[in-house]
Amino acid sequence: MWETPGGRLLPMATLTIELPETPQAQPAYRVAADCPHCGAPLVLRQNRQTGALFTGCSAYPGCAFTEPHDARVQTLSTGLVQAVQTLATQVVQAQAEAQAESQRQLAAERATLDRTVRQLITLAHPDRWPDTPLAHELTVALVALRQTLQPGARRLPSAGR
């Protein structure tokens, strides 16, 4: 409602504005390069009037950098991206193989230490040294050490346990 200078209330008029439809965003395809002006990724776009392809900044309208599209450059940049991805995959595989080899070496070293500790247990066993308390203590310590060499073990036993 709207009030007149005389104090009378009048209904307000309704105003309707028809807005044109907003254009749909055109598909943009990432080009394997960055904008030389702002550093944002470059994308491949198509001119609506001529249909010609061009490379433009993805930060448009903040950055209006454009250049004509050269399919050879796109092919080269795509090939370069694929080569880098392949190299990254190979690096990951090499790291995994190195870790597996390290695990195999660790298992072999544990097996060697386990054999040595078993031999020491046999030599120090109280049955070989009757009436020698040190033989019993040494055997207990060696058995505890052998348990730490098992694959799931994480720490050495504390002294005095």
N, C-alpha and C. Protein backbone atom coordinates (compact mmCIF):
# COMPACT_ATOMS: atom_id res chain seq x y z
N MET A 1 0.83 -1.17 0.00
CA MET A 1 0.00 0.00 0.00
C MET A 1 0.88 1.24 0.00
N TRP A 2 0.30 2.28 -0.55
CA TRP A 2 1.02 3.54 -0.66
C TRP A 2 0.13 4.65 -0.12
N GLU A 3 0.69 5.56 0.66
CA GLU A 3 -0.11 6.62 1.28
C GLU A 3 0.04 7.92 0.49
N THR A 4 -1.11 8.56 0.19
CA THR A 4 -1.12 9.84 -0.53
C THR A 4 -0.87 10.97 0.45
N PRO A 5 -0.53 12.21 -0.05
CA PRO A 5 -0.34 13.33 0.85
C PRO A 5 -1.58 13.62 1.69
N GLY A 6 -2.75 13.26 1.24
CA GLY A 6 -3.97 13.49 2.01
C GLY A 6 -4.22 12.41 3.04
N GLY A 7 -3.37 11.38 3.14
CA GLY A 7 -3.53 10.32 4.11
C GLY A 7 -4.32 9.14 3.61
N ARG A 8 -4.65 9.14 2.36
CA ARG A 8 -5.42 8.05 1.78
C ARG A 8 -4.49 6.92 1.33
N LEU A 9 -4.87 5.66 1.54
CA LEU A 9 -4.06 4.50 1.12
C LEU A 9 -4.49 4.03 -0.25
N LEU A 10 -3.52 3.87 -1.11
CA LEU A 10 -3.78 3.38 -2.47
C LEU A 10 -3.01 2.08 -2.68
N PRO A 11 -3.56 1.18 -3.47
CA PRO A 11 -2.80 -0.05 -3.75
C PRO A 11 -1.61 0.27 -4.64
N MET A 12 -0.53 -0.45 -4.41
CA MET A 12 0.68 -0.26 -5.22
C MET A 12 0.56 -1.02 -6.52
N ALA A 13 1.15 -0.49 -7.55
CA ALA A 13 1.16 -1.15 -8.85
C ALA A 13 2.25 -2.22 -8.86
N THR A 14 2.03 -3.25 -9.61
CA THR A 14 3.02 -4.32 -9.75
C THR A 14 3.77 -4.12 -11.05
N LEU A 15 5.09 -4.21 -10.98
CA LEU A 15 5.93 -4.07 -12.16
C LEU A 15 6.54 -5.42 -12.46
N THR A 16 6.40 -5.90 -13.66
CA THR A 16 6.97 -7.18 -14.07
C THR A 16 8.05 -6.92 -15.10
N ILE A 17 9.23 -7.47 -14.87
CA ILE A 17 10.33 -7.32 -15.82
C ILE A 17 10.70 -8.71 -16.31
N GLU A 18 10.74 -8.86 -17.61
CA GLU A 18 11.16 -10.13 -18.18
C GLU A 18 12.64 -10.02 -18.53
N LEU A 19 13.42 -10.89 -17.95
CA LEU A 19 14.86 -10.90 -18.19
C LEU A 19 15.18 -11.91 -19.27
N PRO A 20 16.15 -11.61 -20.12
CA PRO A 20 16.53 -12.59 -21.14
C PRO A 20 17.17 -13.79 -20.45
N GLU A 21 17.06 -14.93 -21.10
CA GLU A 21 17.67 -16.13 -20.54
C GLU A 21 19.18 -15.96 -20.49
N THR A 22 19.76 -16.47 -19.41
CA THR A 22 21.21 -16.41 -19.31
C THR A 22 21.79 -17.50 -20.19
N PRO A 23 22.84 -17.17 -20.94
CA PRO A 23 23.41 -18.18 -21.83
C PRO A 23 24.01 -19.32 -21.01
N GLN A 24 23.86 -20.52 -21.54
CA GLN A 24 24.44 -21.69 -20.90
C GLN A 24 25.95 -21.65 -21.03
N ALA A 25 26.63 -22.06 -19.99
CA ALA A 25 28.09 -22.09 -20.04
C ALA A 25 28.53 -23.09 -21.11
N GLN A 26 29.41 -22.62 -21.95
CA GLN A 26 29.89 -23.52 -23.00
C GLN A 26 30.92 -24.47 -22.40
N PRO A 27 30.98 -25.68 -22.94
CA PRO A 27 31.96 -26.63 -22.39
C PRO A 27 33.37 -26.13 -22.66
N ALA A 28 34.22 -26.28 -21.67
CA ALA A 28 35.62 -25.87 -21.82
C ALA A 28 36.49 -27.08 -21.53
N TYR A 29 37.48 -27.30 -22.33
CA TYR A 29 38.37 -28.44 -22.18
C TYR A 29 39.74 -27.93 -21.74
N ARG A 30 40.25 -28.49 -20.69
CA ARG A 30 41.53 -28.07 -20.11
C ARG A 30 42.65 -28.29 -21.10
N VAL A 31 43.48 -27.27 -21.26
CA VAL A 31 44.68 -27.35 -22.08
C VAL A 31 45.83 -27.51 -21.10
N ALA A 32 46.82 -28.30 -21.47
CA ALA A 32 47.93 -28.58 -20.55
C ALA A 32 48.90 -27.40 -20.50
N ALA A 33 48.40 -26.25 -20.10
CA ALA A 33 49.23 -25.05 -19.96
C ALA A 33 48.52 -24.08 -19.03
N ASP A 34 49.27 -23.10 -18.55
CA ASP A 34 48.71 -22.08 -17.68
C ASP A 34 48.78 -20.73 -18.38
N CYS A 35 47.89 -19.84 -17.97
CA CYS A 35 47.80 -18.51 -18.56
C CYS A 35 49.10 -17.75 -18.29
N PRO A 36 49.70 -17.16 -19.33
CA PRO A 36 50.93 -16.40 -19.11
C PRO A 36 50.68 -15.08 -18.36
N HIS A 37 49.42 -14.63 -18.31
CA HIS A 37 49.12 -13.36 -17.61
C HIS A 37 48.82 -13.57 -16.14
N CYS A 38 47.98 -14.57 -15.80
CA CYS A 38 47.57 -14.71 -14.40
C CYS A 38 47.91 -16.07 -13.78
N GLY A 39 48.31 -17.04 -14.58
CA GLY A 39 48.69 -18.36 -14.05
C GLY A 39 47.55 -19.35 -13.91
N ALA A 40 46.32 -18.94 -14.23
CA ALA A 40 45.17 -19.85 -14.16
C ALA A 40 45.26 -20.85 -15.32
N PRO A 41 44.60 -22.00 -15.23
CA PRO A 41 44.65 -22.97 -16.33
C PRO A 41 44.03 -22.40 -17.60
N LEU A 42 44.61 -22.76 -18.74
CA LEU A 42 44.03 -22.39 -20.02
C LEU A 42 43.03 -23.45 -20.44
N VAL A 43 41.98 -23.03 -21.14
CA VAL A 43 40.95 -23.95 -21.60
C VAL A 43 40.69 -23.72 -23.08
N LEU A 44 40.20 -24.75 -23.74
CA LEU A 44 39.84 -24.68 -25.15
C LEU A 44 38.38 -24.27 -25.23
N ARG A 45 38.10 -23.22 -25.98
CA ARG A 45 36.74 -22.71 -26.11
C ARG A 45 36.39 -22.58 -27.58
N GLN A 46 35.09 -22.34 -27.84
CA GLN A 46 34.62 -22.17 -29.21
C GLN A 46 33.87 -20.85 -29.33
N ASN A 47 34.23 -20.07 -30.35
CA ASN A 47 33.57 -18.79 -30.60
C ASN A 47 32.13 -19.07 -31.00
N ARG A 48 31.16 -18.39 -30.34
CA ARG A 48 29.75 -18.64 -30.63
C ARG A 48 29.33 -18.17 -32.02
N GLN A 49 29.93 -17.07 -32.50
CA GLN A 49 29.54 -16.56 -33.81
C GLN A 49 30.19 -17.34 -34.95
N THR A 50 31.50 -17.58 -34.87
CA THR A 50 32.21 -18.21 -35.99
C THR A 50 32.41 -19.71 -35.81
N GLY A 51 32.32 -20.19 -34.57
CA GLY A 51 32.55 -21.61 -34.33
C GLY A 51 34.02 -21.97 -34.25
N ALA A 52 34.91 -20.97 -34.41
CA ALA A 52 36.35 -21.23 -34.39
C ALA A 52 36.81 -21.56 -32.96
N LEU A 53 37.74 -22.46 -32.87
CA LEU A 53 38.31 -22.82 -31.57
C LEU A 53 39.37 -21.81 -31.19
N PHE A 54 39.46 -21.51 -29.89
CA PHE A 54 40.54 -20.65 -29.40
C PHE A 54 40.88 -21.10 -27.98
N THR A 55 42.06 -20.72 -27.54
CA THR A 55 42.51 -21.02 -26.19
C THR A 55 42.31 -19.76 -25.37
N GLY A 56 41.67 -19.91 -24.20
CA GLY A 56 41.41 -18.75 -23.35
C GLY A 56 41.67 -19.08 -21.90
N CYS A 57 41.76 -18.04 -21.10
CA CYS A 57 42.02 -18.19 -19.67
C CYS A 57 40.74 -18.65 -18.96
N SER A 58 40.89 -19.59 -18.04
CA SER A 58 39.72 -20.08 -17.29
C SER A 58 39.24 -19.06 -16.26
N ALA A 59 40.04 -18.02 -16.01
CA ALA A 59 39.66 -17.00 -15.04
C ALA A 59 38.86 -15.88 -15.69
N TYR A 60 38.45 -16.05 -16.97
CA TYR A 60 37.65 -15.04 -17.65
C TYR A 60 36.37 -14.82 -16.86
N PRO A 61 35.89 -13.64 -16.65
CA PRO A 61 36.25 -12.34 -17.22
C PRO A 61 37.34 -11.61 -16.44
N GLY A 62 37.84 -12.15 -15.36
CA GLY A 62 38.91 -11.50 -14.61
C GLY A 62 40.18 -11.37 -15.43
N CYS A 63 40.43 -12.32 -16.29
CA CYS A 63 41.59 -12.28 -17.18
C CYS A 63 41.08 -12.61 -18.57
N ALA A 64 41.35 -11.73 -19.53
CA ALA A 64 40.80 -11.90 -20.87
C ALA A 64 41.82 -12.44 -21.87
N PHE A 65 42.85 -13.16 -21.39
CA PHE A 65 43.87 -13.68 -22.31
C PHE A 65 43.24 -14.71 -23.25
N THR A 66 43.53 -14.56 -24.53
CA THR A 66 43.12 -15.54 -25.55
C THR A 66 44.24 -15.67 -26.57
N GLU A 67 44.24 -16.76 -27.28
CA GLU A 67 45.16 -16.95 -28.40
C GLU A 67 44.52 -17.95 -29.35
N PRO A 68 44.88 -17.90 -30.62
CA PRO A 68 44.31 -18.86 -31.57
C PRO A 68 44.71 -20.28 -31.16
N HIS A 69 43.82 -21.21 -31.42
CA HIS A 69 44.08 -22.60 -31.05
C HIS A 69 44.86 -23.28 -32.16
N ASP A 70 45.92 -23.96 -31.78
CA ASP A 70 46.73 -24.74 -32.72
C ASP A 70 46.63 -26.21 -32.29
N ALA A 71 46.00 -27.02 -33.10
CA ALA A 71 45.78 -28.43 -32.75
C ALA A 71 47.09 -29.16 -32.51
N ARG A 72 48.17 -28.76 -33.19
CA ARG A 72 49.46 -29.42 -32.97
C ARG A 72 49.97 -29.17 -31.56
N VAL A 73 49.77 -27.95 -31.06
CA VAL A 73 50.19 -27.63 -29.70
C VAL A 73 49.38 -28.45 -28.70
N GLN A 74 48.08 -28.57 -28.96
CA GLN A 74 47.23 -29.37 -28.07
C GLN A 74 47.68 -30.82 -28.06
N THR A 75 47.99 -31.36 -29.23
CA THR A 75 48.45 -32.75 -29.32
C THR A 75 49.76 -32.92 -28.56
N LEU A 76 50.66 -31.96 -28.74
CA LEU A 76 51.95 -32.02 -28.05
C LEU A 76 51.76 -31.91 -26.53
N SER A 77 50.93 -30.97 -26.08
CA SER A 77 50.73 -30.81 -24.65
C SER A 77 50.03 -32.03 -24.05
N THR A 78 49.08 -32.61 -24.78
CA THR A 78 48.41 -33.82 -24.28
C THR A 78 49.41 -34.97 -24.17
N GLY A 79 50.26 -35.10 -25.18
CA GLY A 79 51.30 -36.14 -25.13
C GLY A 79 52.25 -35.94 -23.98
N LEU A 80 52.60 -34.69 -23.71
CA LEU A 80 53.49 -34.39 -22.60
C LEU A 80 52.85 -34.73 -21.26
N VAL A 81 51.58 -34.39 -21.11
CA VAL A 81 50.86 -34.72 -19.87
C VAL A 81 50.80 -36.24 -19.68
N GLN A 82 50.52 -36.97 -20.75
CA GLN A 82 50.47 -38.43 -20.66
C GLN A 82 51.83 -39.00 -20.30
N ALA A 83 52.90 -38.44 -20.86
CA ALA A 83 54.25 -38.92 -20.55
C ALA A 83 54.58 -38.68 -19.08
N VAL A 84 54.20 -37.53 -18.56
CA VAL A 84 54.46 -37.23 -17.15
C VAL A 84 53.65 -38.17 -16.26
N GLN A 85 52.39 -38.44 -16.63
CA GLN A 85 51.57 -39.36 -15.84
C GLN A 85 52.16 -40.76 -15.85
N THR A 86 52.64 -41.20 -17.01
CA THR A 86 53.27 -42.52 -17.11
C THR A 86 54.52 -42.58 -16.24
N LEU A 87 55.33 -41.52 -16.29
CA LEU A 87 56.54 -41.48 -15.48
C LEU A 87 56.20 -41.52 -13.99
N ALA A 88 55.17 -40.79 -13.59
CA ALA A 88 54.75 -40.79 -12.18
C ALA A 88 54.30 -42.19 -11.75
N THR A 89 53.58 -42.87 -12.62
CA THR A 89 53.14 -44.24 -12.33
C THR A 89 54.34 -45.17 -12.17
N GLN A 90 55.33 -45.01 -13.05
CA GLN A 90 56.53 -45.85 -12.98
C GLN A 90 57.31 -45.59 -11.69
N VAL A 91 57.36 -44.32 -11.25
CA VAL A 91 58.05 -43.99 -10.00
C VAL A 91 57.35 -44.67 -8.83
N VAL A 92 56.02 -44.62 -8.81
CA VAL A 92 55.26 -45.26 -7.73
C VAL A 92 55.51 -46.77 -7.72
N GLN A 93 55.53 -47.38 -8.92
CA GLN A 93 55.78 -48.82 -9.01
C GLN A 93 57.19 -49.15 -8.52
N ALA A 94 58.17 -48.33 -8.90
CA ALA A 94 59.55 -48.58 -8.47
C ALA A 94 59.67 -48.45 -6.96
N GLN A 95 58.98 -47.48 -6.37
CA GLN A 95 59.00 -47.33 -4.92
C GLN A 95 58.37 -48.54 -4.24
N ALA A 96 57.28 -49.04 -4.80
CA ALA A 96 56.62 -50.21 -4.22
C ALA A 96 57.53 -51.44 -4.31
N GLU A 97 58.21 -51.60 -5.45
CA GLU A 97 59.12 -52.73 -5.62
C GLU A 97 60.30 -52.62 -4.65
N ALA A 98 60.82 -51.40 -4.46
CA ALA A 98 61.94 -51.20 -3.53
C ALA A 98 61.50 -51.53 -2.10
N GLN A 99 60.28 -51.14 -1.76
CA GLN A 99 59.77 -51.44 -0.42
C GLN A 99 59.60 -52.95 -0.25
N ALA A 100 59.11 -53.63 -1.28
CA ALA A 100 58.95 -55.09 -1.20
C ALA A 100 60.32 -55.75 -1.05
N GLU A 101 61.32 -55.26 -1.79
CA GLU A 101 62.67 -55.82 -1.69
C GLU A 101 63.23 -55.59 -0.29
N SER A 102 62.98 -54.41 0.26
CA SER A 102 63.42 -54.10 1.62
C SER A 102 62.78 -55.05 2.62
N GLN A 103 61.48 -55.34 2.43
CA GLN A 103 60.78 -56.27 3.31
C GLN A 103 61.39 -57.68 3.20
N ARG A 104 61.73 -58.08 1.97
CA ARG A 104 62.36 -59.40 1.79
C ARG A 104 63.72 -59.46 2.50
N GLN A 105 64.52 -58.37 2.38
CA GLN A 105 65.82 -58.34 3.04
C GLN A 105 65.65 -58.38 4.56
N LEU A 106 64.67 -57.65 5.06
CA LEU A 106 64.43 -57.64 6.49
C LEU A 106 64.04 -59.04 6.98
N ALA A 107 63.20 -59.72 6.21
CA ALA A 107 62.80 -61.08 6.60
C ALA A 107 64.00 -62.02 6.59
N ALA A 108 64.88 -61.89 5.61
CA ALA A 108 66.08 -62.74 5.56
C ALA A 108 67.00 -62.46 6.74
N GLU A 109 67.16 -61.19 7.10
CA GLU A 109 68.01 -60.85 8.25
C GLU A 109 67.40 -61.38 9.55
N ARG A 110 66.08 -61.28 9.69
CA ARG A 110 65.43 -61.83 10.88
C ARG A 110 65.64 -63.34 10.97
N ALA A 111 65.54 -64.02 9.83
CA ALA A 111 65.73 -65.48 9.83
C ALA A 111 67.15 -65.84 10.26
N THR A 112 68.13 -65.08 9.78
CA THR A 112 69.52 -65.34 10.16
C THR A 112 69.73 -65.10 11.66
N LEU A 113 69.18 -64.00 12.17
CA LEU A 113 69.30 -63.72 13.60
C LEU A 113 68.58 -64.78 14.43
N ASP A 114 67.44 -65.23 13.96
CA ASP A 114 66.69 -66.26 14.68
C ASP A 114 67.51 -67.55 14.79
N ARG A 115 68.15 -67.93 13.67
CA ARG A 115 69.00 -69.15 13.71
C ARG A 115 70.14 -68.99 14.72
N THR A 116 70.76 -67.81 14.73
CA THR A 116 71.87 -67.56 15.66
C THR A 116 71.39 -67.62 17.11
N VAL A 117 70.26 -67.01 17.40
CA VAL A 117 69.73 -67.02 18.76
C VAL A 117 69.35 -68.44 19.18
N ARG A 118 68.77 -69.21 18.26
CA ARG A 118 68.44 -70.61 18.60
C ARG A 118 69.70 -71.40 18.95
N GLN A 119 70.78 -71.17 18.20
CA GLN A 119 72.05 -71.86 18.48
C GLN A 119 72.58 -71.45 19.87
N LEU A 120 72.46 -70.16 20.18
CA LEU A 120 72.91 -69.70 21.50
C LEU A 120 72.06 -70.29 22.62
N ILE A 121 70.76 -70.42 22.38
CA ILE A 121 69.89 -71.03 23.38
C ILE A 121 70.33 -72.47 23.64
N THR A 122 70.63 -73.17 22.56
CA THR A 122 71.09 -74.57 22.71
C THR A 122 72.38 -74.64 23.51
N LEU A 123 73.32 -73.72 23.25
CA LEU A 123 74.60 -73.72 23.97
C LEU A 123 74.44 -73.34 25.45
N ALA A 124 73.53 -72.39 25.73
CA ALA A 124 73.40 -71.89 27.10
C ALA A 124 72.35 -72.62 27.91
N HIS A 125 71.68 -73.60 27.35
CA HIS A 125 70.57 -74.26 28.03
C HIS A 125 71.02 -74.84 29.37
N PRO A 126 70.20 -74.70 30.42
CA PRO A 126 70.57 -75.19 31.75
C PRO A 126 70.85 -76.69 31.80
N ASP A 127 70.29 -77.47 30.87
CA ASP A 127 70.58 -78.91 30.86
C ASP A 127 72.06 -79.16 30.57
N ARG A 128 72.70 -78.27 29.81
CA ARG A 128 74.12 -78.43 29.50
C ARG A 128 74.99 -77.93 30.64
N TRP A 129 74.45 -77.03 31.47
CA TRP A 129 75.21 -76.42 32.57
C TRP A 129 74.43 -76.58 33.89
N PRO A 130 74.34 -77.81 34.40
CA PRO A 130 73.59 -78.00 35.65
C PRO A 130 74.24 -77.22 36.80
N ASP A 131 73.40 -76.81 37.72
CA ASP A 131 73.83 -76.07 38.91
C ASP A 131 74.49 -74.73 38.55
N THR A 132 74.08 -74.12 37.42
CA THR A 132 74.60 -72.81 37.04
C THR A 132 73.42 -71.87 36.81
N PRO A 133 73.11 -71.00 37.78
CA PRO A 133 71.96 -70.10 37.64
C PRO A 133 72.08 -69.16 36.44
N LEU A 134 73.30 -68.80 36.09
CA LEU A 134 73.51 -67.91 34.96
C LEU A 134 73.01 -68.54 33.66
N ALA A 135 73.12 -69.85 33.52
CA ALA A 135 72.65 -70.54 32.31
C ALA A 135 71.14 -70.36 32.16
N HIS A 136 70.41 -70.47 33.28
CA HIS A 136 68.95 -70.29 33.22
C HIS A 136 68.61 -68.85 32.84
N GLU A 137 69.25 -67.85 33.47
CA GLU A 137 68.98 -66.44 33.17
C GLU A 137 69.31 -66.10 31.72
N LEU A 138 70.42 -66.61 31.25
CA LEU A 138 70.83 -66.36 29.87
C LEU A 138 69.85 -66.99 28.89
N THR A 139 69.36 -68.18 29.17
CA THR A 139 68.39 -68.85 28.30
C THR A 139 67.08 -68.07 28.26
N VAL A 140 66.62 -67.60 29.42
CA VAL A 140 65.38 -66.82 29.47
C VAL A 140 65.54 -65.55 28.63
N ALA A 141 66.68 -64.87 28.75
CA ALA A 141 66.92 -63.63 27.99
C ALA A 141 66.98 -63.92 26.49
N LEU A 142 67.60 -65.03 26.12
CA LEU A 142 67.70 -65.38 24.69
C LEU A 142 66.32 -65.76 24.11
N VAL A 143 65.50 -66.43 24.89
CA VAL A 143 64.15 -66.78 24.43
C VAL A 143 63.33 -65.50 24.23
N ALA A 144 63.47 -64.55 25.16
CA ALA A 144 62.76 -63.27 25.01
C ALA A 144 63.26 -62.52 23.76
N LEU A 145 64.56 -62.56 23.53
CA LEU A 145 65.12 -61.92 22.34
C LEU A 145 64.60 -62.58 21.07
N ARG A 146 64.50 -63.88 21.09
CA ARG A 146 64.00 -64.61 19.91
C ARG A 146 62.56 -64.22 19.60
N GLN A 147 61.75 -63.99 20.65
CA GLN A 147 60.36 -63.58 20.43
C GLN A 147 60.27 -62.22 19.76
N THR A 148 61.23 -61.33 20.06
CA THR A 148 61.21 -60.01 19.41
C THR A 148 61.56 -60.10 17.94
N LEU A 149 62.19 -61.19 17.53
CA LEU A 149 62.57 -61.34 16.12
C LEU A 149 61.42 -61.86 15.27
N GLN A 150 60.31 -62.23 15.90
CA GLN A 150 59.15 -62.71 15.15
C GLN A 150 58.56 -61.54 14.35
N PRO A 151 57.97 -61.81 13.18
CA PRO A 151 57.49 -60.74 12.29
C PRO A 151 56.55 -59.72 12.94
N GLY A 152 55.70 -60.11 13.88
CA GLY A 152 54.75 -59.17 14.47
C GLY A 152 55.30 -58.39 15.65
N ALA A 153 56.49 -58.76 16.16
CA ALA A 153 57.05 -58.14 17.35
C ALA A 153 57.54 -56.73 17.03
N ARG A 154 57.40 -55.80 17.99
CA ARG A 154 57.78 -54.41 17.74
C ARG A 154 58.92 -53.91 18.63
N ARG A 155 59.09 -54.46 19.84
CA ARG A 155 60.08 -53.87 20.73
C ARG A 155 60.83 -54.95 21.49
N LEU A 156 62.00 -54.56 21.95
CA LEU A 156 62.82 -55.47 22.75
C LEU A 156 62.30 -55.49 24.18
N PRO A 157 62.45 -56.61 24.87
CA PRO A 157 61.99 -56.66 26.27
C PRO A 157 62.88 -55.77 27.13
N SER A 158 62.28 -55.20 28.18
CA SER A 158 63.04 -54.34 29.10
C SER A 158 63.92 -55.21 29.97
N ALA A 159 65.03 -54.65 30.42
CA ALA A 159 65.94 -55.37 31.30
C ALA A 159 65.24 -55.59 32.64
N GLY A 160 65.37 -56.71 33.23
CA GLY A 160 64.80 -57.02 34.52
C GLY A 160 63.44 -57.68 34.42
N ARG A 161 62.91 -57.89 33.25
CA ARG A 161 61.61 -58.57 33.11
C ARG A 161 61.81 -60.03 32.91
